Amino acid sequence: MGVPTRRGDKPRERQTSSGHVEGKSPPFSEAHKMETEILGIILGAVLPIYPLLFVIYQKIGRYDEIVEEFKKLRYEHYRLREAYHGG
């Protein structure tokens, strides 16, 4: 999308009123810079505690397994109790 020049010449690139070359992506804006800073802050806060978060995640997984086993045992207990006591 350049301005045509003489035959055989490459077209010149036009600049918009903000100084950006037309057809090309503009450089990072202030919003992009802010998003990058926020991402940096979040990563800076999370990465040091990531091992702790991973341990908590593993413990929750083990707790879920224990709960599932407890539910199976409870169901078996109710079933055997009903069979023994009747009713």
C-alpha atoms as a PDB file:
ATOM      1  CA  MET A   1       0.000   0.000   0.000  1.00  0.00           C
ATOM      2  CA  GLY A   2       2.632   2.460  -0.956  1.00  0.00           C
ATOM      3  CA  VAL A   3       2.469   5.567  -3.053  1.00  0.00           C
ATOM      4  CA  PRO A   4       3.255   4.686  -6.684  1.00  0.00           C
ATOM      5  CA  THR A   5       6.389   6.214  -8.110  1.00  0.00           C
ATOM      6  CA  ARG A   6       8.038   5.871 -11.493  1.00  0.00           C
ATOM      7  CA  ARG A   7       7.650   2.592 -13.329  1.00  0.00           C
ATOM      8  CA  GLY A   8       9.967  -0.101 -11.905  1.00  0.00           C
ATOM      9  CA  ASP A   9      10.651   1.730  -8.638  1.00  0.00           C
ATOM     10  CA  LYS A  10       9.529   0.244  -5.394  1.00  0.00           C
ATOM     11  CA  PRO A  11       6.542   2.049  -3.915  1.00  0.00           C
ATOM     12  CA  ARG A  12       7.306   4.432  -1.082  1.00  0.00           C
ATOM     13  CA  GLU A  13       5.828   3.624   2.302  1.00  0.00           C
ATOM     14  CA  ARG A  14       3.242   6.084   3.550  1.00  0.00           C
ATOM     15  CA  GLN A  15       3.208   7.220   7.116  1.00  0.00           C
ATOM     16  CA  THR A  16       0.041   7.863   9.041  1.00  0.00           C
ATOM     17  CA  SER A  17      -0.540  11.020  11.045  1.00  0.00           C
ATOM     18  CA  SER A  18       0.804   9.240  14.152  1.00  0.00           C
ATOM     19  CA  GLY A  19       4.084   8.503  12.380  1.00  0.00           C
ATOM     20  CA  HIS A  20       3.523   4.767  11.846  1.00  0.00           C
ATOM     21  CA  VAL A  21       4.185   3.172   8.487  1.00  0.00           C
ATOM     22  CA  GLU A  22       0.922   2.199   6.824  1.00  0.00           C
ATOM     23  CA  GLY A  23       0.411  -1.560   6.504  1.00  0.00           C
ATOM     24  CA  LYS A  24       2.860  -2.438   9.266  1.00  0.00           C
ATOM     25  CA  SER A  25       2.015  -3.058  12.874  1.00  0.00           C
ATOM     26  CA  PRO A  26       2.773  -0.102  15.145  1.00  0.00           C
ATOM     27  CA  PRO A  27       5.381  -0.389  17.883  1.00  0.00           C
ATOM     28  CA  PHE A  28       4.250  -1.342  21.349  1.00  0.00           C
ATOM     29  CA  SER A  29       1.764   1.080  22.801  1.00  0.00           C
ATOM     30  CA  GLU A  30       1.434   2.094  26.420  1.00  0.00           C
ATOM     31  CA  ALA A  31      -1.250  -0.580  26.923  1.00  0.00           C
ATOM     32  CA  HIS A  32       1.152  -3.272  25.729  1.00  0.00           C
ATOM     33  CA  LYS A  33       3.845  -1.969  28.046  1.00  0.00           C
ATOM     34  CA  MET A  34       1.418  -2.028  30.984  1.00  0.00           C
ATOM     35  CA  GLU A  35       0.317  -5.594  30.142  1.00  0.00           C
ATOM     36  CA  THR A  36       3.965  -6.662  30.021  1.00  0.00           C
ATOM     37  CA  GLU A  37       4.663  -5.023  33.376  1.00  0.00           C
ATOM     38  CA  ILE A  38       1.620  -6.681  34.965  1.00  0.00           C
ATOM     39  CA  LEU A  39       2.680 -10.044  33.543  1.00  0.00           C
ATOM     40  CA  GLY A  40       6.155  -9.506  34.949  1.00  0.00           C
ATOM     41  CA  ILE A  41       4.748  -8.684  38.386  1.00  0.00           C
ATOM     42  CA  ILE A  42       2.507 -11.771  38.368  1.00  0.00           C
ATOM     43  CA  LEU A  43       5.347 -14.052  37.268  1.00  0.00           C
ATOM     44  CA  GLY A  44       7.656 -12.462  39.816  1.00  0.00           C
ATOM     45  CA  ALA A  45       5.137 -13.218  42.559  1.00  0.00           C
ATOM     46  CA  VAL A  46       4.133 -16.727  41.451  1.00  0.00           C
ATOM     47  CA  LEU A  47       7.420 -18.266  40.337  1.00  0.00           C
ATOM     48  CA  PRO A  48       9.111 -18.150  43.757  1.00  0.00           C
ATOM     49  CA  ILE A  49       6.141 -19.886  45.410  1.00  0.00           C
ATOM     50  CA  TYR A  50       5.481 -22.311  42.532  1.00  0.00           C
ATOM     51  CA  PRO A  51       7.128 -25.281  44.333  1.00  0.00           C
ATOM     52  CA  LEU A  52       4.823 -24.671  47.299  1.00  0.00           C
ATOM     53  CA  LEU A  53       1.775 -24.474  45.022  1.00  0.00           C
ATOM     54  CA  PHE A  54       2.821 -27.740  43.368  1.00  0.00           C
ATOM     55  CA  VAL A  55       3.113 -29.494  46.763  1.00  0.00           C
ATOM     56  CA  ILE A  56      -0.339 -28.217  47.746  1.00  0.00           C
ATOM     57  CA  TYR A  57      -1.731 -29.468  44.429  1.00  0.00           C
ATOM     58  CA  GLN A  58      -0.240 -32.931  45.072  1.00  0.00           C
ATOM     59  CA  LYS A  59      -1.653 -33.034  48.595  1.00  0.00           C
ATOM     60  CA  ILE A  60      -5.102 -32.085  47.312  1.00  0.00           C
ATOM     61  CA  GLY A  61      -4.836 -34.931  44.806  1.00  0.00           C
ATOM     62  CA  ARG A  62      -3.920 -37.399  47.546  1.00  0.00           C
ATOM     63  CA  TYR A  63      -6.755 -36.056  49.708  1.00  0.00           C
ATOM     64  CA  ASP A  64      -9.185 -36.634  46.821  1.00  0.00           C
ATOM     65  CA  GLU A  65      -7.972 -40.235  46.525  1.00  0.00           C
ATOM     66  CA  ILE A  66      -8.457 -40.756  50.269  1.00  0.00           C
ATOM     67  CA  VAL A  67     -11.975 -39.280  50.100  1.00  0.00           C
ATOM     68  CA  GLU A  68     -12.906 -41.569  47.202  1.00  0.00           C
ATOM     69  CA  GLU A  69     -11.612 -44.613  49.099  1.00  0.00           C
ATOM     70  CA  PHE A  70     -13.531 -43.507  52.198  1.00  0.00           C
ATOM     71  CA  LYS A  71     -16.744 -43.205  50.159  1.00  0.00           C
ATOM     72  CA  LYS A  72     -16.267 -46.739  48.816  1.00  0.00           C
ATOM     73  CA  LEU A  73     -15.667 -48.107  52.317  1.00  0.00           C
ATOM     74  CA  ARG A  74     -18.654 -46.212  53.721  1.00  0.00           C
ATOM     75  CA  TYR A  75     -20.914 -47.581  50.988  1.00  0.00           C
ATOM     76  CA  GLU A  76     -19.619 -51.104  51.633  1.00  0.00           C
ATOM     77  CA  HIS A  77     -20.195 -50.624  55.375  1.00  0.00           C
ATOM     78  CA  TYR A  78     -23.823 -49.490  54.862  1.00  0.00           C
ATOM     79  CA  ARG A  79     -24.458 -52.364  52.467  1.00  0.00           C
ATOM     80  CA  LEU A  80     -23.016 -54.988  54.859  1.00  0.00           C
ATOM     81  CA  ARG A  81     -24.791 -53.420  57.853  1.00  0.00           C
ATOM     82  CA  GLU A  82     -28.133 -53.590  56.054  1.00  0.00           C
ATOM     83  CA  ALA A  83     -27.451 -57.208  55.080  1.00  0.00           C
ATOM     84  CA  TYR A  84     -26.507 -58.159  58.651  1.00  0.00           C
ATOM     85  CA  HIS A  85     -29.203 -56.216  60.550  1.00  0.00           C
ATOM     86  CA  GLY A  86     -31.863 -56.467  57.898  1.00  0.00           C
ATOM     87  CA  GLY A  87     -33.843 -53.875  56.475  1.00  0.00           C
END
